[in-house]
Amino acid sequence: MKRRGRIAVAFLLTLWLCGGDAPGDAQMPLRCGHFTQTELPSPSPRQNGHARARFDEINAAVKNQPYRVLFFGDSITEGFDEGVWREHLAPRGVQNAGIGGDRTDHLQWRLEHGNLDGPTPQGIVLLIGTNDLGYGRPVDAAAEGIRANLLKLRQRVPGAAILLLGLWPRDDVPRIVERHEIAAVNRLIETCSDGTTIRYANLGPLLLEPDGRLSPQISPDRLHFTAQGYARLAPALDRDIDAMLGGR
C-alpha cells in the first residue's frame, strides 16, 4: 500500500509539473495547461450600482426559470442587440448573463456567488477577457483568467457543454492592435477545446471588412457592436450553439 501511495503521489506531481491542473483540480481536468504561473487577481465583485443590479437580475433569472443555455460575458454580451437576440438566441432558450465592464476575475466571482445556482443548463457560452487586455493585463494572464473560468464551469456544472468564443476584434486601444493581443489570447485559449465538452469558435473575422478593420457601421466606438454587427454573427452563433447542444 505504501508503494502504491508513492506511485499515486508521483503521478499527480508529474501531471502538475507537465502543465496539467493542480492535484486538487484533477477531478475536472482541462485539455490546456496553465498559460502563466503568475498569480491572478482574486475573484471579486464589482461595486458600481449597475453591475450589482445586473448581478442580482441574473441570479433571479437563473433561479426562477430554467434556461437551456447561459451566455456569460461582459458589455459585448450584455449589449447584444435585442432584436437579433429575439430572433436567434431566445428561441434556443439562451439567457443573457453579461455584465458590462466585467473582467475574468469578476465573472469567476459571479460563478461562485449565484449565477449558477438555478437548474443546471445544458450549455454555456463563454465570451470574456477583452477587458483584461483593456485593463493592461498581459496576454498570458488574460488567457489564464479565461482558463480559470472554464475550470470553474467544469467544476460547478460538469454536465453542461461549453462553447468557448474567441475574443472579438477591437480597434480602440493601439497597444492591443499593434501587439496583436486578441489573436494571441485566442491562440492560447483555443488549446482548451476538446471538441466535445468544450468547443471553441472564433467568430471575430465575421465582424471585419476585407481590409481587416472594423467599420463604423459595425462598431462605431471600435469596441462594441451595432445591430448590423450582431446580425453578421447570428447565423454562425446559431450553428455553433446547435452543435454544442446536439441532441440535448
Protein backbone atom coordinates (compact mmCIF):
# COMPACT_ATOMS: atom_id res chain seq x y z
CA MET A 1 0.00 0.00 0.00
CA LYS A 2 2.85 2.37 0.78
CA ARG A 3 4.37 1.72 -2.64
CA ARG A 4 1.02 2.38 -4.36
CA GLY A 5 0.65 5.61 -2.43
CA ARG A 6 4.09 6.78 -3.54
CA ILE A 7 3.24 5.95 -7.16
CA ALA A 8 -0.03 7.90 -6.97
CA VAL A 9 1.71 10.94 -5.50
CA ALA A 10 4.41 10.78 -8.16
CA PHE A 11 1.80 10.57 -10.91
CA LEU A 12 -0.11 13.61 -9.69
CA LEU A 13 3.09 15.60 -9.22
CA THR A 14 4.22 14.71 -12.75
CA LEU A 15 0.83 15.76 -14.16
CA TRP A 16 1.08 19.11 -12.42
CA LEU A 17 4.68 19.76 -13.47
CA CYS A 18 3.80 18.97 -17.09
CA GLY A 19 1.27 21.74 -17.20
CA GLY A 20 -1.93 19.96 -16.19
CA ASP A 21 -4.25 21.10 -13.46
CA ALA A 22 -3.09 21.05 -9.88
CA PRO A 23 -3.87 17.84 -7.96
CA GLY A 24 -6.90 19.46 -6.35
CA ASP A 25 -8.34 20.10 -9.82
CA ALA A 26 -7.71 16.61 -11.16
CA GLN A 27 -11.41 15.76 -10.88
CA MET A 28 -12.28 18.21 -13.68
CA PRO A 29 -9.17 18.50 -15.89
CA LEU A 30 -8.84 20.80 -18.87
CA ARG A 31 -7.02 19.95 -22.06
CA CYS A 32 -4.94 23.13 -21.79
CA GLY A 33 -2.26 23.59 -19.17
CA HIS A 34 -1.57 26.82 -17.29
CA PHE A 35 -0.61 29.75 -19.51
CA THR A 36 1.30 31.56 -16.76
CA GLN A 37 2.45 30.87 -13.23
CA THR A 38 1.83 34.50 -12.27
CA GLU A 39 -0.78 34.79 -9.55
CA LEU A 40 -4.12 36.04 -10.86
CA PRO A 41 -6.28 38.64 -9.10
CA SER A 42 -8.60 37.03 -6.58
CA PRO A 43 -12.23 36.69 -7.73
CA SER A 44 -14.03 39.82 -6.62
CA PRO A 45 -17.41 41.53 -7.11
CA ARG A 46 -17.99 44.79 -8.94
CA GLN A 47 -19.16 47.58 -6.65
CA ASN A 48 -20.88 50.01 -9.03
CA GLY A 49 -24.65 50.20 -8.98
CA HIS A 50 -25.31 48.85 -12.46
CA ALA A 51 -23.07 45.82 -12.02
CA ARG A 52 -24.65 44.93 -8.68
CA ALA A 53 -28.18 45.34 -10.05
CA ARG A 54 -27.34 43.26 -13.12
CA PHE A 55 -25.76 40.54 -10.96
CA ASP A 56 -28.94 40.33 -8.86
CA GLU A 57 -31.06 40.28 -12.03
CA ILE A 58 -29.12 37.32 -13.44
CA ASN A 59 -29.33 35.47 -10.12
CA ALA A 60 -33.10 35.91 -10.06
CA ALA A 61 -33.45 34.83 -13.69
CA VAL A 62 -31.50 31.59 -13.35
CA LYS A 63 -33.27 30.63 -10.12
CA ASN A 64 -36.81 31.33 -11.33
CA GLN A 65 -36.73 29.90 -14.84
CA PRO A 66 -34.77 27.06 -16.41
CA TYR A 67 -32.65 28.04 -19.42
CA ARG A 68 -31.06 25.68 -21.89
CA VAL A 69 -28.02 27.94 -22.26
CA LEU A 70 -26.38 30.67 -20.18
CA PHE A 71 -24.33 33.20 -22.18
CA PHE A 72 -21.68 34.67 -19.85
CA GLY A 73 -19.69 37.75 -20.75
CA ASP A 74 -19.16 41.48 -20.40
CA SER A 75 -20.73 44.50 -22.17
CA ILE A 76 -20.37 42.81 -25.56
CA THR A 77 -22.77 40.15 -24.33
CA GLU A 78 -24.97 42.39 -22.19
CA GLY A 79 -25.34 44.85 -25.09
CA PHE A 80 -26.29 42.19 -27.63
CA ASP A 81 -28.88 43.73 -29.95
CA GLU A 82 -32.33 42.86 -28.60
CA GLY A 83 -33.91 42.30 -32.00
CA VAL A 84 -31.19 39.91 -33.13
CA TRP A 85 -31.34 38.14 -29.75
CA ARG A 86 -35.12 37.65 -30.00
CA GLU A 87 -34.83 36.22 -33.50
CA HIS A 88 -31.86 33.91 -32.96
CA LEU A 89 -30.96 33.23 -29.32
CA ALA A 90 -34.22 33.48 -27.41
CA PRO A 91 -35.82 30.60 -29.39
CA ARG A 92 -32.87 28.45 -28.32
CA GLY A 93 -33.53 29.15 -24.64
CA VAL A 94 -30.44 31.34 -24.13
CA GLN A 95 -30.25 33.69 -21.13
CA ASN A 96 -28.08 36.82 -21.45
CA ALA A 97 -25.71 36.73 -18.45
CA GLY A 98 -23.36 39.52 -19.47
CA ILE A 99 -22.34 42.44 -17.26
CA GLY A 100 -20.64 45.44 -18.82
CA GLY A 101 -17.13 46.08 -17.54
CA ASP A 102 -16.53 42.58 -16.18
CA ARG A 103 -13.06 41.09 -16.31
CA THR A 104 -12.32 37.40 -15.84
CA ASP A 105 -11.93 37.70 -12.05
CA HIS A 106 -15.33 39.42 -11.79
CA LEU A 107 -17.02 36.65 -13.76
CA GLN A 108 -15.34 33.98 -11.66
CA TRP A 109 -16.79 35.63 -8.55
CA ARG A 110 -20.25 35.62 -10.16
CA LEU A 111 -19.98 31.91 -10.95
CA GLU A 112 -19.22 31.27 -7.28
CA HIS A 113 -21.96 33.51 -5.86
CA GLY A 114 -25.26 32.76 -7.52
CA ASN A 115 -25.13 32.94 -11.32
CA LEU A 116 -25.08 29.14 -11.47
CA ASP A 117 -27.44 28.43 -8.59
CA GLY A 118 -30.52 27.60 -10.67
CA PRO A 119 -31.38 24.48 -12.68
CA THR A 120 -28.32 23.12 -14.46
CA PRO A 121 -28.14 24.48 -18.03
CA GLN A 122 -27.49 22.16 -20.92
CA GLY A 123 -24.88 24.51 -22.32
CA ILE A 124 -22.73 27.54 -21.55
CA VAL A 125 -21.45 30.19 -23.97
CA LEU A 126 -18.37 31.99 -22.65
CA LEU A 127 -17.06 35.28 -24.09
CA ILE A 128 -14.83 37.07 -21.57
CA GLY A 129 -11.35 38.57 -21.37
CA THR A 130 -11.25 41.66 -23.58
CA ASN A 131 -11.50 43.91 -20.51
CA ASP A 132 -8.47 42.15 -19.02
CA LEU A 133 -6.48 43.36 -22.05
CA GLY A 134 -8.04 46.81 -21.85
CA TYR A 135 -7.01 46.96 -18.19
CA GLY A 136 -3.40 46.31 -19.22
CA ARG A 137 -3.03 42.66 -18.28
CA PRO A 138 -0.57 40.62 -20.35
CA VAL A 139 -1.85 38.17 -22.93
CA ASP A 140 -0.94 35.10 -20.89
CA ALA A 141 -2.68 36.49 -17.79
CA ALA A 142 -5.86 37.26 -19.75
CA ALA A 143 -5.84 33.75 -21.19
CA GLU A 144 -5.22 32.27 -17.74
CA GLY A 145 -8.22 34.19 -16.41
CA ILE A 146 -10.38 32.65 -19.13
CA ARG A 147 -8.96 29.23 -18.27
CA ALA A 148 -9.86 29.80 -14.61
CA ASN A 149 -13.46 30.45 -15.62
CA LEU A 150 -13.53 27.31 -17.75
CA LEU A 151 -12.26 25.29 -14.82
CA LYS A 152 -14.86 26.82 -12.51
CA LEU A 153 -17.61 25.95 -15.00
CA ARG A 154 -16.37 22.37 -15.32
CA GLN A 155 -16.47 22.08 -11.53
CA ARG A 156 -19.85 23.74 -10.97
CA VAL A 157 -21.82 22.40 -13.97
CA PRO A 158 -19.88 19.33 -15.12
CA GLY A 159 -22.74 18.07 -17.27
CA ALA A 160 -23.05 21.26 -19.33
CA ALA A 161 -21.40 21.59 -22.73
CA ILE A 162 -19.31 24.75 -23.17
CA LEU A 163 -18.96 26.92 -26.27
CA LEU A 164 -15.81 28.99 -25.77
CA LEU A 165 -15.76 32.02 -28.04
CA GLY A 166 -12.54 33.65 -29.10
CA LEU A 167 -12.29 37.34 -28.25
CA TRP A 168 -13.89 39.60 -30.84
CA PRO A 169 -11.81 42.29 -32.59
CA ARG A 170 -11.33 45.79 -31.22
CA ASP A 171 -9.51 48.83 -32.64
CA ASP A 172 -9.88 51.25 -29.73
CA VAL A 173 -6.53 50.68 -27.97
CA PRO A 174 -3.43 50.99 -30.20
CA ARG A 175 -1.35 48.73 -27.94
CA ILE A 176 -3.85 45.87 -28.27
CA VAL A 177 -3.99 46.29 -32.04
CA GLU A 178 -0.26 46.72 -32.64
CA ARG A 179 0.72 43.76 -30.48
CA HIS A 180 -1.99 41.54 -31.97
CA GLU A 181 -3.11 40.73 -28.45
CA ILE A 182 -6.59 39.50 -29.41
CA ALA A 183 -5.15 36.90 -31.77
CA ALA A 184 -2.55 35.88 -29.19
CA VAL A 185 -5.16 35.26 -26.49
CA ASN A 186 -7.29 33.31 -28.94
CA ARG A 187 -4.40 31.05 -29.94
CA LEU A 188 -3.88 30.16 -26.29
CA ILE A 189 -7.48 29.54 -25.28
CA GLU A 190 -8.21 27.50 -28.40
CA THR A 191 -5.99 24.80 -26.91
CA CYS A 192 -8.58 24.32 -24.15
CA SER A 193 -11.07 22.90 -26.64
CA ASP A 194 -11.53 19.15 -26.70
CA GLY A 195 -14.15 19.26 -29.46
CA THR A 196 -16.86 17.70 -27.32
CA THR A 197 -17.33 19.04 -23.78
CA ILE A 198 -15.59 22.31 -24.68
CA ARG A 199 -15.91 23.62 -28.23
CA TYR A 200 -14.02 26.67 -29.49
CA ALA A 201 -15.29 29.10 -32.12
CA ASN A 202 -13.59 32.22 -33.46
CA LEU A 203 -16.37 34.38 -34.91
CA GLY A 204 -14.39 37.63 -34.87
CA PRO A 205 -13.42 37.62 -38.57
CA LEU A 206 -17.11 37.90 -39.46
CA LEU A 207 -17.08 41.41 -37.98
CA LEU A 208 -14.18 42.65 -40.11
CA GLU A 209 -14.14 44.31 -43.51
CA PRO A 210 -11.90 42.98 -46.31
CA ASP A 211 -9.14 45.36 -45.17
CA GLY A 212 -9.18 43.77 -41.71
CA ARG A 213 -10.68 46.77 -39.92
CA LEU A 214 -13.91 47.37 -38.05
CA SER A 215 -16.17 49.73 -39.96
CA PRO A 216 -18.17 52.46 -38.17
CA GLN A 217 -21.35 50.72 -39.31
CA ILE A 218 -20.32 47.61 -37.39
CA SER A 219 -18.56 49.21 -34.41
CA PRO A 220 -18.86 52.99 -34.02
CA ASP A 221 -16.58 53.07 -30.95
CA ARG A 222 -14.30 50.30 -32.31
CA LEU A 223 -15.16 48.03 -29.37
CA HIS A 224 -18.93 47.50 -29.13
CA PHE A 225 -21.22 46.42 -31.94
CA THR A 226 -24.34 47.61 -33.70
CA ALA A 227 -27.35 45.54 -34.69
CA GLN A 228 -25.66 45.08 -38.08
CA GLY A 229 -22.62 43.61 -36.38
CA TYR A 230 -24.61 41.18 -34.26
CA ALA A 231 -26.64 40.20 -37.32
CA ARG A 232 -23.41 39.18 -39.06
CA LEU A 233 -22.57 36.89 -36.15
CA ALA A 234 -26.00 35.41 -35.52
CA PRO A 235 -26.11 32.61 -38.15
CA ALA A 236 -22.70 31.26 -37.08
CA LEU A 237 -23.61 31.59 -33.42
CA ASP A 238 -26.86 29.71 -34.07
CA ARG A 239 -24.92 26.94 -35.78
CA ASP A 240 -22.36 26.65 -33.01
CA ILE A 241 -24.94 26.64 -30.21
CA ASP A 242 -26.96 23.98 -32.03
CA ALA A 243 -23.83 21.89 -32.49
CA MET A 244 -22.90 22.31 -28.82
CA LEU A 245 -26.33 21.15 -27.69
CA GLY A 246 -26.52 18.30 -30.17
CA GLY A 247 -29.44 16.11 -29.17
CA ARG A 248 -29.76 17.63 -25.69
